[in-house]
mmCIF file of all heavy atoms, coordinates in Angstrom:
data_MODEL
# 
_entry.id   MODEL 
# 
loop_
_atom_site.group_PDB 
_atom_site.id 
_atom_site.type_symbol 
_atom_site.label_atom_id 
_atom_site.label_alt_id 
_atom_site.label_comp_id 
_atom_site.label_asym_id 
_atom_site.label_entity_id 
_atom_site.label_seq_id 
_atom_site.pdbx_PDB_ins_code 
_atom_site.Cartn_x 
_atom_site.Cartn_y 
_atom_site.Cartn_z 
_atom_site.occupancy 
_atom_site.B_iso_or_equiv 
_atom_site.pdbx_formal_charge 
_atom_site.auth_seq_id 
_atom_site.auth_comp_id 
_atom_site.auth_asym_id 
_atom_site.auth_atom_id 
_atom_site.pdbx_PDB_model_num 
ATOM 1   N N   . ALA A 1 1  ? 117.426 140.738 106.924 1.00 0.00 ? 1  ALA A N   1 
ATOM 2   C CA  . ALA A 1 1  ? 117.985 141.584 105.850 1.00 0.00 ? 1  ALA A CA  1 
ATOM 3   C C   . ALA A 1 1  ? 117.414 142.989 105.930 1.00 0.00 ? 1  ALA A C   1 
ATOM 4   O O   . ALA A 1 1  ? 118.115 143.977 105.644 1.00 0.00 ? 1  ALA A O   1 
ATOM 5   C CB  . ALA A 1 1  ? 117.718 140.972 104.479 1.00 0.00 ? 1  ALA A CB  1 
ATOM 6   N N   . ALA A 1 2  ? 116.058 143.030 106.219 1.00 0.00 ? 2  ALA A N   1 
ATOM 7   C CA  . ALA A 1 2  ? 115.443 144.334 106.327 1.00 0.00 ? 2  ALA A CA  1 
ATOM 8   C C   . ALA A 1 2  ? 116.022 145.234 107.393 1.00 0.00 ? 2  ALA A C   1 
ATOM 9   O O   . ALA A 1 2  ? 116.118 146.428 107.273 1.00 0.00 ? 2  ALA A O   1 
ATOM 10  C CB  . ALA A 1 2  ? 113.987 144.181 106.558 1.00 0.00 ? 2  ALA A CB  1 
ATOM 11  N N   . LYS A 1 3  ? 116.459 144.643 108.518 1.00 0.00 ? 3  LYS A N   1 
ATOM 12  C CA  . LYS A 1 3  ? 117.042 145.386 109.567 1.00 0.00 ? 3  LYS A CA  1 
ATOM 13  C C   . LYS A 1 3  ? 118.366 145.964 109.186 1.00 0.00 ? 3  LYS A C   1 
ATOM 14  O O   . LYS A 1 3  ? 118.822 147.002 109.680 1.00 0.00 ? 3  LYS A O   1 
ATOM 15  C CB  . LYS A 1 3  ? 117.230 144.474 110.829 1.00 0.00 ? 3  LYS A CB  1 
ATOM 16  C CG  . LYS A 1 3  ? 115.912 144.147 111.465 1.00 0.00 ? 3  LYS A CG  1 
ATOM 17  C CD  . LYS A 1 3  ? 116.168 143.169 112.654 1.00 0.00 ? 3  LYS A CD  1 
ATOM 18  C CE  . LYS A 1 3  ? 114.841 142.759 113.307 1.00 0.00 ? 3  LYS A CE  1 
ATOM 19  N NZ  . LYS A 1 3  ? 115.080 141.783 114.426 1.00 0.00 ? 3  LYS A NZ  1 
ATOM 20  N N   . GLU A 1 4  ? 119.078 145.351 108.253 1.00 0.00 ? 4  GLU A N   1 
ATOM 21  C CA  . GLU A 1 4  ? 120.366 145.754 107.862 1.00 0.00 ? 4  GLU A CA  1 
ATOM 22  C C   . GLU A 1 4  ? 120.330 146.762 106.733 1.00 0.00 ? 4  GLU A C   1 
ATOM 23  O O   . GLU A 1 4  ? 121.232 147.558 106.560 1.00 0.00 ? 4  GLU A O   1 
ATOM 24  C CB  . GLU A 1 4  ? 121.188 144.570 107.435 1.00 0.00 ? 4  GLU A CB  1 
ATOM 25  C CG  . GLU A 1 4  ? 121.455 143.500 108.536 1.00 0.00 ? 4  GLU A CG  1 
ATOM 26  C CD  . GLU A 1 4  ? 122.084 142.246 108.055 1.00 0.00 ? 4  GLU A CD  1 
ATOM 27  O OE1 . GLU A 1 4  ? 122.375 142.165 106.821 1.00 0.00 ? 4  GLU A OE1 1 
ATOM 28  O OE2 . GLU A 1 4  ? 122.390 141.349 108.908 1.00 0.00 ? 4  GLU A OE2 1 
ATOM 29  N N   . SER A 1 5  ? 119.314 146.711 105.875 1.00 0.00 ? 5  SER A N   1 
ATOM 30  C CA  . SER A 1 5  ? 119.273 147.599 104.687 1.00 0.00 ? 5  SER A CA  1 
ATOM 31  C C   . SER A 1 5  ? 118.097 148.586 104.758 1.00 0.00 ? 5  SER A C   1 
ATOM 32  O O   . SER A 1 5  ? 116.969 148.173 105.187 1.00 0.00 ? 5  SER A O   1 
ATOM 33  C CB  . SER A 1 5  ? 119.110 146.728 103.418 1.00 0.00 ? 5  SER A CB  1 
ATOM 34  O OG  . SER A 1 5  ? 120.169 145.820 103.296 1.00 0.00 ? 5  SER A OG  1 
ATOM 35  N N   . PRO A 1 6  ? 118.306 149.779 104.327 1.00 0.00 ? 6  PRO A N   1 
ATOM 36  C CA  . PRO A 1 6  ? 117.206 150.772 104.291 1.00 0.00 ? 6  PRO A CA  1 
ATOM 37  C C   . PRO A 1 6  ? 116.183 150.274 103.272 1.00 0.00 ? 6  PRO A C   1 
ATOM 38  O O   . PRO A 1 6  ? 116.551 149.801 102.175 1.00 0.00 ? 6  PRO A O   1 
ATOM 39  C CB  . PRO A 1 6  ? 117.911 152.067 103.857 1.00 0.00 ? 6  PRO A CB  1 
ATOM 40  C CG  . PRO A 1 6  ? 119.322 151.832 104.110 1.00 0.00 ? 6  PRO A CG  1 
ATOM 41  C CD  . PRO A 1 6  ? 119.584 150.423 103.973 1.00 0.00 ? 6  PRO A CD  1 
ATOM 42  N N   . VAL A 1 7  ? 114.907 150.489 103.532 1.00 0.00 ? 7  VAL A N   1 
ATOM 43  C CA  . VAL A 1 7  ? 113.831 150.078 102.617 1.00 0.00 ? 7  VAL A CA  1 
ATOM 44  C C   . VAL A 1 7  ? 113.118 151.347 102.139 1.00 0.00 ? 7  VAL A C   1 
ATOM 45  O O   . VAL A 1 7  ? 112.672 152.117 102.963 1.00 0.00 ? 7  VAL A O   1 
ATOM 46  C CB  . VAL A 1 7  ? 112.847 149.095 103.307 1.00 0.00 ? 7  VAL A CB  1 
ATOM 47  C CG1 . VAL A 1 7  ? 111.681 148.815 102.357 1.00 0.00 ? 7  VAL A CG1 1 
ATOM 48  C CG2 . VAL A 1 7  ? 113.565 147.816 103.655 1.00 0.00 ? 7  VAL A CG2 1 
ATOM 49  N N   . VAL A 1 8  ? 113.005 151.434 100.816 1.00 0.00 ? 8  VAL A N   1 
ATOM 50  C CA  . VAL A 1 8  ? 112.219 152.539 100.242 1.00 0.00 ? 8  VAL A CA  1 
ATOM 51  C C   . VAL A 1 8  ? 111.029 151.965 99.433  1.00 0.00 ? 8  VAL A C   1 
ATOM 52  O O   . VAL A 1 8  ? 111.242 151.254 98.510  1.00 0.00 ? 8  VAL A O   1 
ATOM 53  C CB  . VAL A 1 8  ? 113.089 153.428 99.261  1.00 0.00 ? 8  VAL A CB  1 
ATOM 54  C CG1 . VAL A 1 8  ? 112.236 154.462 98.583  1.00 0.00 ? 8  VAL A CG1 1 
ATOM 55  C CG2 . VAL A 1 8  ? 114.229 154.087 100.038 1.00 0.00 ? 8  VAL A CG2 1 
ATOM 56  N N   . ASP A 1 9  ? 109.848 152.245 100.014 1.00 0.00 ? 9  ASP A N   1 
ATOM 57  C CA  . ASP A 1 9  ? 108.584 151.875 99.292  1.00 0.00 ? 9  ASP A CA  1 
ATOM 58  C C   . ASP A 1 9  ? 107.953 153.166 98.919  1.00 0.00 ? 9  ASP A C   1 
ATOM 59  O O   . ASP A 1 9  ? 107.279 153.828 99.779  1.00 0.00 ? 9  ASP A O   1 
ATOM 60  C CB  . ASP A 1 9  ? 107.743 151.009 100.237 1.00 0.00 ? 9  ASP A CB  1 
ATOM 61  C CG  . ASP A 1 9  ? 106.422 150.657 99.599  1.00 0.00 ? 9  ASP A CG  1 
ATOM 62  O OD1 . ASP A 1 9  ? 106.275 150.780 98.364  1.00 0.00 ? 9  ASP A OD1 1 
ATOM 63  O OD2 . ASP A 1 9  ? 105.484 150.241 100.339 1.00 0.00 ? 9  ASP A OD2 1 
ATOM 64  N N   . LEU A 1 10 ? 108.029 153.560 97.660  1.00 0.00 ? 10 LEU A N   1 
ATOM 65  C CA  . LEU A 1 10 ? 107.495 154.850 97.193  1.00 0.00 ? 10 LEU A CA  1 
ATOM 66  C C   . LEU A 1 10 ? 106.092 154.668 96.625  1.00 0.00 ? 10 LEU A C   1 
ATOM 67  O O   . LEU A 1 10 ? 105.947 153.867 95.671  1.00 0.00 ? 10 LEU A O   1 
ATOM 68  C CB  . LEU A 1 10 ? 108.453 155.469 96.115  1.00 0.00 ? 10 LEU A CB  1 
ATOM 69  C CG  . LEU A 1 10 ? 107.929 156.770 95.493  1.00 0.00 ? 10 LEU A CG  1 
ATOM 70  C CD1 . LEU A 1 10 ? 107.874 157.903 96.551  1.00 0.00 ? 10 LEU A CD1 1 
ATOM 71  C CD2 . LEU A 1 10 ? 108.851 157.230 94.357  1.00 0.00 ? 10 LEU A CD2 1 
ATOM 72  N N   . LEU A 1 11 ? 105.137 155.392 97.177  1.00 0.00 ? 11 LEU A N   1 
ATOM 73  C CA  . LEU A 1 11 ? 103.777 155.343 96.612  1.00 0.00 ? 11 LEU A CA  1 
ATOM 74  C C   . LEU A 1 11 ? 103.640 156.537 95.661  1.00 0.00 ? 11 LEU A C   1 
ATOM 75  O O   . LEU A 1 11 ? 103.974 157.678 95.987  1.00 0.00 ? 11 LEU A O   1 
ATOM 76  C CB  . LEU A 1 11 ? 102.829 155.533 97.774  1.00 0.00 ? 11 LEU A CB  1 
ATOM 77  C CG  . LEU A 1 11 ? 101.325 155.523 97.461  1.00 0.00 ? 11 LEU A CG  1 
ATOM 78  C CD1 . LEU A 1 11 ? 100.863 154.236 96.812  1.00 0.00 ? 11 LEU A CD1 1 
ATOM 79  C CD2 . LEU A 1 11 ? 100.485 155.845 98.736  1.00 0.00 ? 11 LEU A CD2 1 
ATOM 80  N N   . HIS A 1 12 ? 103.232 156.207 94.459  1.00 0.00 ? 12 HIS A N   1 
ATOM 81  C CA  . HIS A 1 12 ? 103.257 157.244 93.342  1.00 0.00 ? 12 HIS A CA  1 
ATOM 82  C C   . HIS A 1 12 ? 102.243 156.923 92.308  1.00 0.00 ? 12 HIS A C   1 
ATOM 83  O O   . HIS A 1 12 ? 101.558 155.903 92.381  1.00 0.00 ? 12 HIS A O   1 
ATOM 84  C CB  . HIS A 1 12 ? 104.651 157.324 92.733  1.00 0.00 ? 12 HIS A CB  1 
ATOM 85  C CG  . HIS A 1 12 ? 105.021 156.026 92.080  1.00 0.00 ? 12 HIS A CG  1 
ATOM 86  N ND1 . HIS A 1 12 ? 104.760 155.806 90.734  1.00 0.00 ? 12 HIS A ND1 1 
ATOM 87  C CD2 . HIS A 1 12 ? 105.685 154.925 92.499  1.00 0.00 ? 12 HIS A CD2 1 
ATOM 88  C CE1 . HIS A 1 12 ? 105.246 154.572 90.378  1.00 0.00 ? 12 HIS A CE1 1 
ATOM 89  N NE2 . HIS A 1 12 ? 105.755 154.030 91.439  1.00 0.00 ? 12 HIS A NE2 1 
ATOM 90  N N   . PHE A 1 13 ? 102.153 157.798 91.325  1.00 0.00 ? 13 PHE A N   1 
ATOM 91  C CA  . PHE A 1 13 ? 101.227 157.610 90.191  1.00 0.00 ? 13 PHE A CA  1 
ATOM 92  C C   . PHE A 1 13 ? 101.939 157.835 88.850  1.00 0.00 ? 13 PHE A C   1 
ATOM 93  O O   . PHE A 1 13 ? 101.329 158.134 87.810  1.00 0.00 ? 13 PHE A O   1 
ATOM 94  C CB  . PHE A 1 13 ? 100.062 158.564 90.323  1.00 0.00 ? 13 PHE A CB  1 
ATOM 95  C CG  . PHE A 1 13 ? 100.476 160.048 90.401  1.00 0.00 ? 13 PHE A CG  1 
ATOM 96  C CD1 . PHE A 1 13 ? 100.483 160.852 89.253  1.00 0.00 ? 13 PHE A CD1 1 
ATOM 97  C CD2 . PHE A 1 13 ? 100.853 160.591 91.596  1.00 0.00 ? 13 PHE A CD2 1 
ATOM 98  C CE1 . PHE A 1 13 ? 100.895 162.173 89.322  1.00 0.00 ? 13 PHE A CE1 1 
ATOM 99  C CE2 . PHE A 1 13 ? 101.270 161.888 91.681  1.00 0.00 ? 13 PHE A CE2 1 
ATOM 100 C CZ  . PHE A 1 13 ? 101.275 162.726 90.529  1.00 0.00 ? 13 PHE A CZ  1 
ATOM 101 N N   . TRP A 1 14 ? 103.270 157.631 88.850  1.00 0.00 ? 14 TRP A N   1 
ATOM 102 C CA  . TRP A 1 14 ? 104.018 157.692 87.626  1.00 0.00 ? 14 TRP A CA  1 
ATOM 103 C C   . TRP A 1 14 ? 104.004 156.371 86.881  1.00 0.00 ? 14 TRP A C   1 
ATOM 104 O O   . TRP A 1 14 ? 104.705 155.431 87.252  1.00 0.00 ? 14 TRP A O   1 
ATOM 105 C CB  . TRP A 1 14 ? 105.449 158.083 87.942  1.00 0.00 ? 14 TRP A CB  1 
ATOM 106 C CG  . TRP A 1 14 ? 105.625 159.559 88.328  1.00 0.00 ? 14 TRP A CG  1 
ATOM 107 C CD1 . TRP A 1 14 ? 104.828 160.592 87.963  1.00 0.00 ? 14 TRP A CD1 1 
ATOM 108 C CD2 . TRP A 1 14 ? 106.705 160.071 89.108  1.00 0.00 ? 14 TRP A CD2 1 
ATOM 109 N NE1 . TRP A 1 14 ? 105.374 161.734 88.462  1.00 0.00 ? 14 TRP A NE1 1 
ATOM 110 C CE2 . TRP A 1 14 ? 106.463 161.510 89.154  1.00 0.00 ? 14 TRP A CE2 1 
ATOM 111 C CE3 . TRP A 1 14 ? 107.825 159.558 89.779  1.00 0.00 ? 14 TRP A CE3 1 
ATOM 112 C CZ2 . TRP A 1 14 ? 107.311 162.367 89.854  1.00 0.00 ? 14 TRP A CZ2 1 
ATOM 113 C CZ3 . TRP A 1 14 ? 108.625 160.424 90.457  1.00 0.00 ? 14 TRP A CZ3 1 
ATOM 114 C CH2 . TRP A 1 14 ? 108.387 161.810 90.480  1.00 0.00 ? 14 TRP A CH2 1 
ATOM 115 N N   . ILE A 1 15 ? 103.193 156.258 85.881  1.00 0.00 ? 15 ILE A N   1 
ATOM 116 C CA  . ILE A 1 15 ? 103.017 154.962 85.155  1.00 0.00 ? 15 ILE A CA  1 
ATOM 117 C C   . ILE A 1 15 ? 103.264 155.048 83.637  1.00 0.00 ? 15 ILE A C   1 
ATOM 118 O O   . ILE A 1 15 ? 103.327 154.027 83.002  1.00 0.00 ? 15 ILE A O   1 
ATOM 119 C CB  . ILE A 1 15 ? 101.624 154.401 85.413  1.00 0.00 ? 15 ILE A CB  1 
ATOM 120 C CG1 . ILE A 1 15 ? 100.542 155.397 84.936  1.00 0.00 ? 15 ILE A CG1 1 
ATOM 121 C CG2 . ILE A 1 15 ? 101.441 154.102 86.919  1.00 0.00 ? 15 ILE A CG2 1 
ATOM 122 C CD1 . ILE A 1 15 ? 99.171  154.809 84.984  1.00 0.00 ? 15 ILE A CD1 1 
ATOM 123 N N   . SER A 1 16 ? 103.442 156.236 83.081  1.00 0.00 ? 16 SER A N   1 
ATOM 124 C CA  . SER A 1 16 ? 103.747 156.326 81.681  1.00 0.00 ? 16 SER A CA  1 
ATOM 125 C C   . SER A 1 16 ? 105.212 156.060 81.421  1.00 0.00 ? 16 SER A C   1 
ATOM 126 O O   . SER A 1 16 ? 106.016 156.083 82.317  1.00 0.00 ? 16 SER A O   1 
ATOM 127 C CB  . SER A 1 16 ? 103.396 157.730 81.191  1.00 0.00 ? 16 SER A CB  1 
ATOM 128 O OG  . SER A 1 16 ? 104.233 158.677 81.617  1.00 0.00 ? 16 SER A OG  1 
ATOM 129 N N   . PRO A 1 17 ? 105.592 155.728 80.157  1.00 0.00 ? 17 PRO A N   1 
ATOM 130 C CA  . PRO A 1 17 ? 106.982 155.429 79.848  1.00 0.00 ? 17 PRO A CA  1 
ATOM 131 C C   . PRO A 1 17 ? 107.981 156.495 80.291  1.00 0.00 ? 17 PRO A C   1 
ATOM 132 O O   . PRO A 1 17 ? 109.027 156.230 80.879  1.00 0.00 ? 17 PRO A O   1 
ATOM 133 C CB  . PRO A 1 17 ? 106.988 155.231 78.320  1.00 0.00 ? 17 PRO A CB  1 
ATOM 134 C CG  . PRO A 1 17 ? 105.633 154.807 78.027  1.00 0.00 ? 17 PRO A CG  1 
ATOM 135 C CD  . PRO A 1 17 ? 104.721 155.494 78.991  1.00 0.00 ? 17 PRO A CD  1 
ATOM 136 N N   . GLY A 1 18 ? 107.644 157.774 80.041  1.00 0.00 ? 18 GLY A N   1 
ATOM 137 C CA  . GLY A 1 18 ? 108.565 158.876 80.445  1.00 0.00 ? 18 GLY A CA  1 
ATOM 138 C C   . GLY A 1 18 ? 108.662 158.961 81.959  1.00 0.00 ? 18 GLY A C   1 
ATOM 139 O O   . GLY A 1 18 ? 109.718 159.159 82.532  1.00 0.00 ? 18 GLY A O   1 
ATOM 140 N N   . GLU A 1 19 ? 107.532 158.814 82.640  1.00 0.00 ? 19 GLU A N   1 
ATOM 141 C CA  . GLU A 1 19 ? 107.514 158.931 84.119  1.00 0.00 ? 19 GLU A CA  1 
ATOM 142 C C   . GLU A 1 19 ? 108.303 157.744 84.701  1.00 0.00 ? 19 GLU A C   1 
ATOM 143 O O   . GLU A 1 19 ? 109.056 157.952 85.683  1.00 0.00 ? 19 GLU A O   1 
ATOM 144 C CB  . GLU A 1 19 ? 106.080 158.881 84.597  1.00 0.00 ? 19 GLU A CB  1 
ATOM 145 C CG  . GLU A 1 19 ? 105.276 160.146 84.238  1.00 0.00 ? 19 GLU A CG  1 
ATOM 146 C CD  . GLU A 1 19 ? 103.801 159.997 84.574  1.00 0.00 ? 19 GLU A CD  1 
ATOM 147 O OE1 . GLU A 1 19 ? 103.271 158.861 84.546  1.00 0.00 ? 19 GLU A OE1 1 
ATOM 148 O OE2 . GLU A 1 19 ? 103.168 161.045 84.775  1.00 0.00 ? 19 GLU A OE2 1 
ATOM 149 N N   . ILE A 1 20 ? 108.140 156.559 84.155  1.00 0.00 ? 20 ILE A N   1 
ATOM 150 C CA  . ILE A 1 20 ? 108.883 155.387 84.703  1.00 0.00 ? 20 ILE A CA  1 
ATOM 151 C C   . ILE A 1 20 ? 110.382 155.573 84.465  1.00 0.00 ? 20 ILE A C   1 
ATOM 152 O O   . ILE A 1 20 ? 111.207 155.251 85.330  1.00 0.00 ? 20 ILE A O   1 
ATOM 153 C CB  . ILE A 1 20 ? 108.349 154.095 83.982  1.00 0.00 ? 20 ILE A CB  1 
ATOM 154 C CG1 . ILE A 1 20 ? 106.913 153.820 84.446  1.00 0.00 ? 20 ILE A CG1 1 
ATOM 155 C CG2 . ILE A 1 20 ? 109.269 152.927 84.339  1.00 0.00 ? 20 ILE A CG2 1 
ATOM 156 C CD1 . ILE A 1 20 ? 106.233 152.718 83.672  1.00 0.00 ? 20 ILE A CD1 1 
ATOM 157 N N   . SER A 1 21 ? 110.730 156.103 83.341  1.00 0.00 ? 21 SER A N   1 
ATOM 158 C CA  . SER A 1 21 ? 112.132 156.370 83.061  1.00 0.00 ? 21 SER A CA  1 
ATOM 159 C C   . SER A 1 21 ? 112.754 157.307 84.050  1.00 0.00 ? 21 SER A C   1 
ATOM 160 O O   . SER A 1 21 ? 113.882 157.109 84.552  1.00 0.00 ? 21 SER A O   1 
ATOM 161 C CB  . SER A 1 21 ? 112.296 156.954 81.644  1.00 0.00 ? 21 SER A CB  1 
ATOM 162 O OG  . SER A 1 21 ? 113.636 157.272 81.335  1.00 0.00 ? 21 SER A OG  1 
ATOM 163 N N   . ALA A 1 22 ? 112.011 158.378 84.428  1.00 0.00 ? 22 ALA A N   1 
ATOM 164 C CA  . ALA A 1 22 ? 112.511 159.274 85.450  1.00 0.00 ? 22 ALA A CA  1 
ATOM 165 C C   . ALA A 1 22 ? 112.531 158.635 86.830  1.00 0.00 ? 22 ALA A C   1 
ATOM 166 O O   . ALA A 1 22 ? 113.495 158.844 87.581  1.00 0.00 ? 22 ALA A O   1 
ATOM 167 C CB  . ALA A 1 22 ? 111.608 160.507 85.466  1.00 0.00 ? 22 ALA A CB  1 
ATOM 168 N N   . LEU A 1 23 ? 111.514 157.848 87.098  1.00 0.00 ? 23 LEU A N   1 
ATOM 169 C CA  . LEU A 1 23 ? 111.436 157.146 88.347  1.00 0.00 ? 23 LEU A CA  1 
ATOM 170 C C   . LEU A 1 23 ? 112.676 156.178 88.554  1.00 0.00 ? 23 LEU A C   1 
ATOM 171 O O   . LEU A 1 23 ? 113.170 156.017 89.626  1.00 0.00 ? 23 LEU A O   1 
ATOM 172 C CB  . LEU A 1 23 ? 110.159 156.333 88.527  1.00 0.00 ? 23 LEU A CB  1 
ATOM 173 C CG  . LEU A 1 23 ? 109.869 155.594 89.807  1.00 0.00 ? 23 LEU A CG  1 
ATOM 174 C CD1 . LEU A 1 23 ? 109.774 156.590 90.947  1.00 0.00 ? 23 LEU A CD1 1 
ATOM 175 C CD2 . LEU A 1 23 ? 108.631 154.714 89.697  1.00 0.00 ? 23 LEU A CD2 1 
ATOM 176 N N   . ASN A 1 24 ? 113.117 155.610 87.438  1.00 0.00 ? 24 ASN A N   1 
ATOM 177 C CA  . ASN A 1 24 ? 114.203 154.675 87.532  1.00 0.00 ? 24 ASN A CA  1 
ATOM 178 C C   . ASN A 1 24 ? 115.519 155.364 87.882  1.00 0.00 ? 24 ASN A C   1 
ATOM 179 O O   . ASN A 1 24 ? 116.423 154.700 88.450  1.00 0.00 ? 24 ASN A O   1 
ATOM 180 C CB  . ASN A 1 24 ? 114.406 153.976 86.127  1.00 0.00 ? 24 ASN A CB  1 
ATOM 181 C CG  . ASN A 1 24 ? 113.367 152.991 85.831  1.00 0.00 ? 24 ASN A CG  1 
ATOM 182 O OD1 . ASN A 1 24 ? 112.652 152.520 86.735  1.00 0.00 ? 24 ASN A OD1 1 
ATOM 183 N ND2 . ASN A 1 24 ? 113.199 152.615 84.544  1.00 0.00 ? 24 ASN A ND2 1 
ATOM 184 N N   . THR A 1 25 ? 115.617 156.673 87.689  1.00 0.00 ? 25 THR A N   1 
ATOM 185 C CA  . THR A 1 25 ? 116.804 157.366 88.185  1.00 0.00 ? 25 THR A CA  1 
ATOM 186 C C   . THR A 1 25 ? 116.856 157.455 89.717  1.00 0.00 ? 25 THR A C   1 
ATOM 187 O O   . THR A 1 25 ? 117.849 157.464 90.343  1.00 0.00 ? 25 THR A O   1 
ATOM 188 C CB  . THR A 1 25 ? 116.935 158.800 87.627  1.00 0.00 ? 25 THR A CB  1 
ATOM 189 O OG1 . THR A 1 25 ? 115.892 159.620 88.207  1.00 0.00 ? 25 THR A OG1 1 
ATOM 190 C CG2 . THR A 1 25 ? 116.766 158.849 86.088  1.00 0.00 ? 25 THR A CG2 1 
ATOM 191 N N   . ILE A 1 26 ? 115.652 157.431 90.352  1.00 0.00 ? 26 ILE A N   1 
ATOM 192 C CA  . ILE A 1 26 ? 115.574 157.435 91.792  1.00 0.00 ? 26 ILE A CA  1 
ATOM 193 C C   . ILE A 1 26 ? 115.834 156.031 92.312  1.00 0.00 ? 26 ILE A C   1 
ATOM 194 O O   . ILE A 1 26 ? 116.626 155.816 93.258  1.00 0.00 ? 26 ILE A O   1 
ATOM 195 C CB  . ILE A 1 26 ? 114.218 157.948 92.233  1.00 0.00 ? 26 ILE A CB  1 
ATOM 196 C CG1 . ILE A 1 26 ? 114.026 159.432 91.867  1.00 0.00 ? 26 ILE A CG1 1 
ATOM 197 C CG2 . ILE A 1 26 ? 114.054 157.772 93.789  1.00 0.00 ? 26 ILE A CG2 1 
ATOM 198 C CD1 . ILE A 1 26 ? 112.708 159.985 92.241  1.00 0.00 ? 26 ILE A CD1 1 
ATOM 199 N N   . SER A 1 27 ? 115.233 155.043 91.712  1.00 0.00 ? 27 SER A N   1 
ATOM 200 C CA  . SER A 1 27 ? 115.417 153.673 92.235  1.00 0.00 ? 27 SER A CA  1 
ATOM 201 C C   . SER A 1 27 ? 116.855 153.234 92.043  1.00 0.00 ? 27 SER A C   1 
ATOM 202 O O   . SER A 1 27 ? 117.353 152.496 92.921  1.00 0.00 ? 27 SER A O   1 
ATOM 203 C CB  . SER A 1 27 ? 114.478 152.639 91.443  1.00 0.00 ? 27 SER A CB  1 
ATOM 204 O OG  . SER A 1 27 ? 114.840 152.583 90.085  1.00 0.00 ? 27 SER A OG  1 
ATOM 205 N N   . ALA A 1 28 ? 117.548 153.688 90.970  1.00 0.00 ? 28 ALA A N   1 
ATOM 206 C CA  . ALA A 1 28 ? 118.966 153.319 90.814  1.00 0.00 ? 28 ALA A CA  1 
ATOM 207 C C   . ALA A 1 28 ? 119.765 153.898 91.901  1.00 0.00 ? 28 ALA A C   1 
ATOM 208 O O   . ALA A 1 28 ? 120.680 153.258 92.450  1.00 0.00 ? 28 ALA A O   1 
ATOM 209 C CB  . ALA A 1 28 ? 119.430 153.847 89.444  1.00 0.00 ? 28 ALA A CB  1 
ATOM 210 N N   . GLN A 1 29 ? 119.463 155.150 92.346  1.00 0.00 ? 29 GLN A N   1 
ATOM 211 C CA  . GLN A 1 29 ? 120.231 155.743 93.473  1.00 0.00 ? 29 GLN A CA  1 
ATOM 212 C C   . GLN A 1 29 ? 119.985 154.979 94.756  1.00 0.00 ? 29 GLN A C   1 
ATOM 213 O O   . GLN A 1 29 ? 120.935 154.744 95.537  1.00 0.00 ? 29 GLN A O   1 
ATOM 214 C CB  . GLN A 1 29 ? 119.775 157.164 93.620  1.00 0.00 ? 29 GLN A CB  1 
ATOM 215 C CG  . GLN A 1 29 ? 120.305 158.104 92.572  1.00 0.00 ? 29 GLN A CG  1 
ATOM 216 C CD  . GLN A 1 29 ? 121.695 158.628 92.918  1.00 0.00 ? 29 GLN A CD  1 
ATOM 217 O OE1 . GLN A 1 29 ? 122.348 158.123 93.782  1.00 0.00 ? 29 GLN A OE1 1 
ATOM 218 N NE2 . GLN A 1 29 ? 122.236 159.649 92.169  1.00 0.00 ? 29 GLN A NE2 1 
ATOM 219 N N   . VAL A 1 30 ? 118.726 154.534 94.979  1.00 0.00 ? 30 VAL A N   1 
ATOM 220 C CA  . VAL A 1 30 ? 118.414 153.754 96.192  1.00 0.00 ? 30 VAL A CA  1 
ATOM 221 C C   . VAL A 1 30 ? 119.243 152.505 96.272  1.00 0.00 ? 30 VAL A C   1 
ATOM 222 O O   . VAL A 1 30 ? 119.882 152.158 97.251  1.00 0.00 ? 30 VAL A O   1 
ATOM 223 C CB  . VAL A 1 30 ? 116.913 153.532 96.250  1.00 0.00 ? 30 VAL A CB  1 
ATOM 224 C CG1 . VAL A 1 30 ? 116.663 152.515 97.427  1.00 0.00 ? 30 VAL A CG1 1 
ATOM 225 C CG2 . VAL A 1 30 ? 116.118 154.807 96.476  1.00 0.00 ? 30 VAL A CG2 1 
# 
């Protein structure tokens, strides 16, 4: 499955509620 689908593993430090909310806009796009 990994060979067929792009994998995004983002290393970050966004852990507050607002930061996670913004991060979710990126994960949704992925």
